[in-house]
């Protein structure tokens, strides 16, 4: 049974129009998201530092006492149109604290100004920059939520195709891996998930692909060859519109001989992890993300 805190948060979310239906412009959507989540107070010991990651802006999130030879590359969600490191500071700081490593949160280029493949180009450039800084692949993890979760998988595919070593592990939180939006849950849970609804998400898909092929493997990695990827943890809410994206991704990775762990959270909606430090369900889920990252970095470096 969901907590009272979650029910209260959900009631607030239901009173808003996060994706703007057919009305809002990209800039209006960005301002709305920033005003909603960008002002959450971080613990006093969290340090935020701007960084140029191989020509891509981003920011370091650091906490005293964490490792210096390992890193999480984080790719924020927002339908490839909205969101930024600022909107995801709370989540990144909580993961950094739990995993004991700094987080590089990437401010990759957004559509419609910069359609596909700008995002995956920026993500792979930032990963290569981390390698140039001396981070070993076995000491790097990649994670992302929603579009950032899809971008996480696309980045793994692009790195493999380019002959670049995979990171130690990857985490995809409520990943959007099919911008063609063919999953049955897009219809089944349209009235239950107030975070992502089909009309607004469809507009973002159109802006992102800019007339291109929505089954392009690097835009919709559910259609990619998924062999040879790093171990992946997939988290998804059990009543969210993108549930089928996660289920199909998990099955596709397994069918390709890879390692994938899927966790479905009863009653939870899209990227409920973003409410960490506000609701217990999010705190527990983010703790599992941090544990997965920590365990795989250790396994890879001691093998």
Protein backbone atom coordinates (compact mmCIF):
# COMPACT_ATOMS: atom_id res chain seq x y z
CA UNK A 1 0.00 0.00 0.00
CA UNK A 2 1.38 3.40 -0.97
CA UNK A 3 2.37 5.78 1.80
CA UNK A 4 0.33 8.83 2.75
CA UNK A 5 3.27 10.97 1.64
CA UNK A 6 3.14 9.42 -1.83
CA UNK A 7 -0.62 9.96 -2.07
CA UNK A 8 -0.13 13.62 -1.14
CA UNK A 9 2.60 14.11 -3.75
CA UNK A 10 0.48 12.37 -6.39
CA UNK A 11 -2.46 14.65 -5.66
CA UNK A 12 -0.27 17.69 -6.28
CA UNK A 13 1.08 16.21 -9.51
CA UNK A 14 -2.43 15.40 -10.75
CA UNK A 15 -3.38 19.06 -10.36
CA UNK A 16 -0.71 20.10 -12.87
CA UNK A 17 -0.13 19.50 -16.59
CA UNK A 18 3.50 18.45 -16.65
CA UNK A 19 3.76 17.83 -20.39
CA UNK A 20 1.54 20.70 -21.41
CA UNK A 21 -0.88 18.77 -23.62
CA UNK A 22 -0.98 20.52 -26.98
CA UNK A 23 -0.49 24.03 -25.66
CA UNK A 24 2.90 24.69 -24.14
CA UNK A 25 6.06 25.53 -26.07
CA UNK A 26 9.36 23.84 -25.21
CA UNK A 27 10.54 26.92 -23.32
CA UNK A 28 7.30 27.05 -21.32
CA UNK A 29 7.65 23.38 -20.45
CA UNK A 30 11.24 23.89 -19.34
CA UNK A 31 10.34 26.81 -17.09
CA UNK A 32 7.46 24.83 -15.60
CA UNK A 33 9.67 21.85 -14.76
CA UNK A 34 12.39 24.04 -13.31
CA UNK A 35 9.95 25.91 -11.10
CA UNK A 36 8.43 22.62 -9.91
CA UNK A 37 11.55 20.70 -8.93
CA UNK A 38 14.60 22.90 -9.46
CA UNK A 39 14.42 24.61 -6.09
CA UNK A 40 14.64 21.60 -3.77
CA UNK A 41 17.11 22.26 -0.97
CA UNK A 42 20.18 20.02 -0.94
CA UNK A 43 22.10 18.96 2.19
CA UNK A 44 24.75 21.48 3.21
CA UNK A 45 27.60 19.03 2.51
CA UNK A 46 26.68 18.59 -1.18
CA UNK A 47 29.00 20.41 -3.58
CA UNK A 48 27.86 21.37 -7.08
CA UNK A 49 30.59 22.33 -9.55
CA UNK A 50 30.16 23.23 -13.25
CA UNK A 51 32.29 21.24 -15.68
CA UNK A 52 33.05 21.08 -19.40
CA UNK A 53 32.97 17.35 -20.16
CA UNK A 54 34.62 17.08 -23.54
CA UNK A 55 32.74 20.04 -24.94
CA UNK A 56 29.45 19.14 -23.23
CA UNK A 57 28.38 21.19 -20.19
CA UNK A 58 27.45 19.46 -16.99
CA UNK A 59 28.03 19.56 -13.28
CA UNK A 60 29.77 17.49 -10.67
CA UNK A 61 27.83 16.46 -7.60
CA UNK A 62 30.17 15.57 -4.74
CA UNK A 63 29.80 14.68 -1.09
CA UNK A 64 32.65 14.53 1.48
CA UNK A 65 34.28 11.15 1.89
CA UNK A 66 33.26 9.64 -1.44
CA UNK A 67 35.62 7.86 -3.84
CA UNK A 68 37.73 9.83 -6.28
CA UNK A 69 38.53 7.05 -8.76
CA UNK A 70 34.97 6.09 -9.69
CA UNK A 71 32.08 8.04 -11.20
CA UNK A 72 28.44 7.89 -12.26
CA UNK A 73 27.54 9.59 -15.54
CA UNK A 74 23.92 10.68 -15.12
CA UNK A 75 21.58 11.47 -18.02
CA UNK A 76 18.48 13.37 -16.91
CA UNK A 77 14.95 12.75 -18.13
CA UNK A 78 12.48 15.12 -19.73
CA UNK A 79 11.47 13.66 -23.08
CA UNK A 80 14.67 14.94 -24.73
CA UNK A 81 13.04 18.39 -24.58
CA UNK A 82 13.04 19.52 -20.95
CA UNK A 83 15.07 18.92 -17.79
CA UNK A 84 18.65 19.66 -16.85
CA UNK A 85 21.20 18.86 -14.15
CA UNK A 86 19.50 21.51 -12.02
CA UNK A 87 16.13 19.73 -12.08
CA UNK A 88 17.80 16.46 -11.07
CA UNK A 89 20.15 17.67 -8.34
CA UNK A 90 18.17 16.08 -5.52
CA UNK A 91 18.18 12.67 -7.20
CA UNK A 92 21.84 12.85 -8.21
CA UNK A 93 22.94 13.96 -4.74
CA UNK A 94 21.02 11.10 -3.14
CA UNK A 95 22.57 8.54 -5.50
CA UNK A 96 26.04 10.02 -4.94
CA UNK A 97 25.62 9.69 -1.19
CA UNK A 98 24.33 6.12 -1.36
CA UNK A 99 26.82 4.85 -3.94
CA UNK A 100 29.77 6.73 -2.45
CA UNK A 101 30.93 8.16 -5.77
CA UNK A 102 30.69 11.55 -7.50
CA UNK A 103 28.06 12.10 -10.16
CA UNK A 104 28.67 13.86 -13.46
CA UNK A 105 25.21 15.11 -14.47
CA UNK A 106 25.23 15.96 -18.16
CA UNK A 107 23.50 18.97 -19.71
CA UNK A 108 23.16 17.33 -23.12
CA UNK A 109 21.56 19.24 -26.00
CA UNK A 110 17.77 19.20 -26.20
CA UNK A 111 15.20 19.10 -28.99
CA UNK A 112 13.65 20.72 -30.92
CA UNK A 113 16.68 23.01 -31.21
CA UNK A 114 18.99 19.98 -31.31
CA UNK A 115 17.13 16.86 -32.47
CA UNK A 116 18.44 13.31 -32.61
CA UNK A 117 21.29 12.29 -32.59
CA UNK A 118 22.57 15.28 -30.57
CA UNK A 119 21.82 13.69 -27.19
CA UNK A 120 23.64 10.41 -27.84
CA UNK A 121 26.54 12.29 -29.44
CA UNK A 122 26.91 14.36 -26.26
CA UNK A 123 26.59 11.37 -23.95
CA UNK A 124 29.27 9.36 -25.74
CA UNK A 125 31.53 12.42 -25.85
CA UNK A 126 31.21 12.83 -22.09
CA UNK A 127 31.98 9.15 -21.51
CA UNK A 128 35.10 9.42 -23.69
CA UNK A 129 36.10 12.51 -21.71
CA UNK A 130 35.86 10.54 -18.48
CA UNK A 131 38.19 7.93 -19.96
CA UNK A 132 40.61 10.71 -20.91
CA UNK A 133 40.52 11.94 -17.31
CA UNK A 134 41.84 8.56 -16.20
CA UNK A 135 38.66 6.84 -15.07
CA UNK A 136 38.78 3.13 -15.91
CA UNK A 137 35.67 1.69 -17.62
CA UNK A 138 35.37 -0.70 -14.67
CA UNK A 139 35.01 2.34 -12.38
CA UNK A 140 32.30 4.09 -14.43
CA UNK A 141 28.53 3.57 -14.31
CA UNK A 142 25.91 5.26 -16.47
CA UNK A 143 22.36 5.95 -15.30
CA UNK A 144 19.36 7.93 -16.43
CA UNK A 145 15.62 8.31 -16.02
CA UNK A 146 12.84 8.38 -18.62
CA UNK A 147 14.36 9.76 -21.84
CA UNK A 148 17.67 9.69 -19.98
CA UNK A 149 17.08 5.99 -19.33
CA UNK A 150 16.58 5.41 -23.03
CA UNK A 151 19.65 7.52 -23.70
CA UNK A 152 21.59 5.37 -21.25
CA UNK A 153 20.84 2.25 -23.32
CA UNK A 154 21.49 4.06 -26.60
CA UNK A 155 24.85 5.22 -25.24
CA UNK A 156 25.82 1.65 -24.39
CA UNK A 157 24.88 0.57 -27.92
CA UNK A 158 26.83 3.43 -29.51
CA UNK A 159 29.90 2.76 -27.37
CA UNK A 160 29.83 -0.92 -28.32
CA UNK A 161 29.44 -0.14 -32.01
CA UNK A 162 32.35 2.34 -31.81
CA UNK A 163 34.60 -0.23 -30.14
CA UNK A 164 34.73 1.66 -26.84
CA UNK A 165 34.81 -0.38 -23.62
CA UNK A 166 31.53 -0.68 -21.76
CA UNK A 167 31.14 0.82 -18.29
CA UNK A 168 30.86 -1.47 -15.27
CA UNK A 169 27.09 -1.14 -15.07
CA UNK A 170 24.08 0.89 -16.14
CA UNK A 171 20.78 1.86 -14.53
CA UNK A 172 17.63 2.75 -16.48
CA UNK A 173 14.84 4.30 -14.38
CA UNK A 174 11.47 4.18 -16.16
CA UNK A 175 13.34 4.22 -19.49
CA UNK A 176 11.73 5.56 -22.65
CA UNK A 177 13.18 3.18 -25.21
CA UNK A 178 10.43 3.25 -27.83
CA UNK A 179 9.63 6.76 -29.08
CA UNK A 180 7.19 5.15 -31.53
CA UNK A 181 5.14 4.54 -28.37
CA UNK A 182 3.83 1.09 -29.34
CA UNK A 183 3.64 -0.40 -25.84
CA UNK A 184 0.17 -1.42 -24.66
CA UNK A 185 0.72 0.30 -21.29
CA UNK A 186 0.69 3.66 -23.09
CA UNK A 187 -3.06 3.16 -23.41
CA UNK A 188 -3.74 0.88 -20.45
CA UNK A 189 -2.35 3.26 -17.82
CA UNK A 190 -2.97 6.60 -19.49
CA UNK A 191 -5.48 7.53 -16.79
CA UNK A 192 -3.38 6.26 -13.88
CA UNK A 193 0.02 7.84 -14.52
CA UNK A 194 -0.13 11.64 -14.19
CA UNK A 195 3.55 12.11 -14.98
CA UNK A 196 3.58 10.92 -18.60
CA UNK A 197 0.53 11.04 -20.85
CA UNK A 198 0.48 10.02 -24.53
CA UNK A 199 -0.39 13.35 -26.16
CA UNK A 200 2.36 15.39 -24.53
CA UNK A 201 4.91 12.59 -24.90
CA UNK A 202 4.03 12.21 -28.57
CA UNK A 203 4.81 15.88 -29.17
CA UNK A 204 8.19 15.41 -27.55
CA UNK A 205 8.87 12.37 -29.74
CA UNK A 206 8.09 14.43 -32.85
CA UNK A 207 10.36 17.27 -31.72
CA UNK A 208 13.14 14.84 -30.88
CA UNK A 209 13.14 12.79 -34.08
CA UNK A 210 12.38 15.80 -36.34
CA UNK A 211 10.77 13.81 -39.13
CA UNK A 212 13.20 10.91 -38.86
CA UNK A 213 12.62 7.23 -38.21
CA UNK A 214 11.13 6.60 -34.77
CA UNK A 215 12.55 3.07 -34.84
CA UNK A 216 16.12 4.32 -35.30
CA UNK A 217 18.06 2.08 -32.87
CA UNK A 218 19.83 5.03 -31.24
CA UNK A 219 16.59 6.97 -30.81
CA UNK A 220 14.51 3.95 -29.75
CA UNK A 221 17.02 1.37 -28.48
CA UNK A 222 14.33 -1.28 -28.05
CA UNK A 223 14.89 -1.81 -31.79
CA UNK A 224 18.69 -2.07 -31.43
CA UNK A 225 20.91 -5.12 -31.34
CA UNK A 226 21.42 -5.32 -27.57
CA UNK A 227 24.21 -7.87 -27.32
CA UNK A 228 27.44 -7.11 -25.49
CA UNK A 229 26.13 -4.39 -23.17
CA UNK A 230 27.07 -3.71 -19.56
CA UNK A 231 24.82 -5.23 -16.86
CA UNK A 232 21.62 -3.18 -16.61
CA UNK A 233 19.27 -2.54 -13.70
CA UNK A 234 15.79 -1.44 -14.81
CA UNK A 235 13.35 0.18 -12.38
CA UNK A 236 9.76 0.94 -13.35
CA UNK A 237 6.45 1.78 -11.72
CA UNK A 238 3.79 -0.89 -12.10
CA UNK A 239 1.10 1.57 -13.20
CA UNK A 240 3.04 3.85 -15.49
CA UNK A 241 2.49 4.41 -19.18
CA UNK A 242 6.04 3.33 -20.02
CA UNK A 243 5.82 0.02 -18.15
CA UNK A 244 5.95 -2.02 -21.37
CA UNK A 245 9.11 -0.21 -22.46
CA UNK A 246 10.89 -1.60 -19.39
CA UNK A 247 9.46 -5.09 -19.74
CA UNK A 248 10.36 -5.31 -23.41
CA UNK A 249 13.84 -3.93 -22.79
CA UNK A 250 14.50 -6.49 -20.06
CA UNK A 251 13.40 -9.36 -22.29
CA UNK A 252 15.38 -8.07 -25.28
CA UNK A 253 18.62 -7.77 -23.30
CA UNK A 254 18.16 -11.29 -21.92
CA UNK A 255 17.41 -12.64 -25.40
CA UNK A 256 20.64 -11.07 -26.63
CA UNK A 257 22.61 -12.90 -23.95
CA UNK A 258 23.04 -9.90 -21.68
CA UNK A 259 22.46 -9.30 -17.99
CA UNK A 260 19.37 -7.38 -16.99
CA UNK A 261 17.53 -7.03 -13.68
CA UNK A 262 13.96 -5.70 -13.77
CA UNK A 263 12.23 -4.38 -10.66
CA UNK A 264 8.56 -3.33 -10.87
CA UNK A 265 7.22 -1.23 -8.00
CA UNK A 266 3.51 -1.73 -7.15
CA UNK A 267 1.31 1.38 -7.35
CA UNK A 268 4.24 3.58 -8.39
CA UNK A 269 4.20 5.98 -11.35
CA UNK A 270 6.81 7.29 -13.76
CA UNK A 271 10.21 8.10 -12.17
CA UNK A 272 8.85 8.21 -8.64
CA UNK A 273 12.54 8.11 -7.62
CA UNK A 274 12.57 11.86 -8.22
CA UNK A 275 10.61 12.25 -4.97
CA UNK A 276 13.49 10.88 -2.87
CA UNK A 277 13.83 12.58 0.51
CA UNK A 278 10.08 13.20 0.33
CA UNK A 279 8.47 9.74 0.20
CA UNK A 280 9.73 6.40 1.60
CA UNK A 281 9.05 4.48 -1.63
CA UNK A 282 11.48 6.70 -3.52
CA UNK A 283 14.10 6.49 -0.77
CA UNK A 284 13.99 2.69 -0.85
CA UNK A 285 14.20 2.54 -4.65
CA UNK A 286 17.13 4.97 -4.86
CA UNK A 287 18.92 2.93 -2.19
CA UNK A 288 18.60 -0.12 -4.47
CA UNK A 289 20.03 1.90 -7.38
CA UNK A 290 23.01 2.96 -5.25
CA UNK A 291 23.56 -0.60 -4.06
CA UNK A 292 23.56 -1.95 -7.62
CA UNK A 293 26.11 0.64 -8.73
CA UNK A 294 28.31 0.05 -5.71
CA UNK A 295 28.29 -3.73 -6.09
CA UNK A 296 29.12 -3.73 -9.79
CA UNK A 297 31.95 -1.23 -9.49
CA UNK A 298 33.48 -3.37 -6.75
CA UNK A 299 32.99 -6.61 -8.69
CA UNK A 300 34.66 -5.21 -11.78
CA UNK A 301 37.68 -3.78 -9.91
CA UNK A 302 38.36 -6.89 -7.83
CA UNK A 303 37.93 -9.47 -10.58
